[in-house]
């Protein structure tokens, strides 16, 4: 993931690159023909592992001087009853999706972005 992010940020030539972390998932709400797959693939543990891996990768790439890389995190928007009621387990309705989009637009257009992350970069991140 680090190599992919580093290559992408280099291609931006100093322009900002925004990476959006995964929103909260509600596997207990999965329905339909693929309910078992949906629940198995979208566990809270898997979601947390992905979120931590992406944050760590962003921190590592930023620590190498690529400060034009920014992590946008919609977790707060989707980790509540309001959002859960508007979720099918993985996806959200138009209202919650619009709130996620407005978060991204605020970061891009209003310069509201997290410039430093407080995590650590592992010895061999790739």
Foldseek 3Di string as FASTA:
>chain_A
DLVVVLVVLVVVVLAADEDEQAEQFALVLADDDCSVVSNVCRDPVNSVVRRVLVVLSQQVSVVVVSLSYFYQYCHVLCVDPVQVVQDSGRDGDPVSVVVSVVSVCCCVPVVPTDRHDDDDHDPDSD
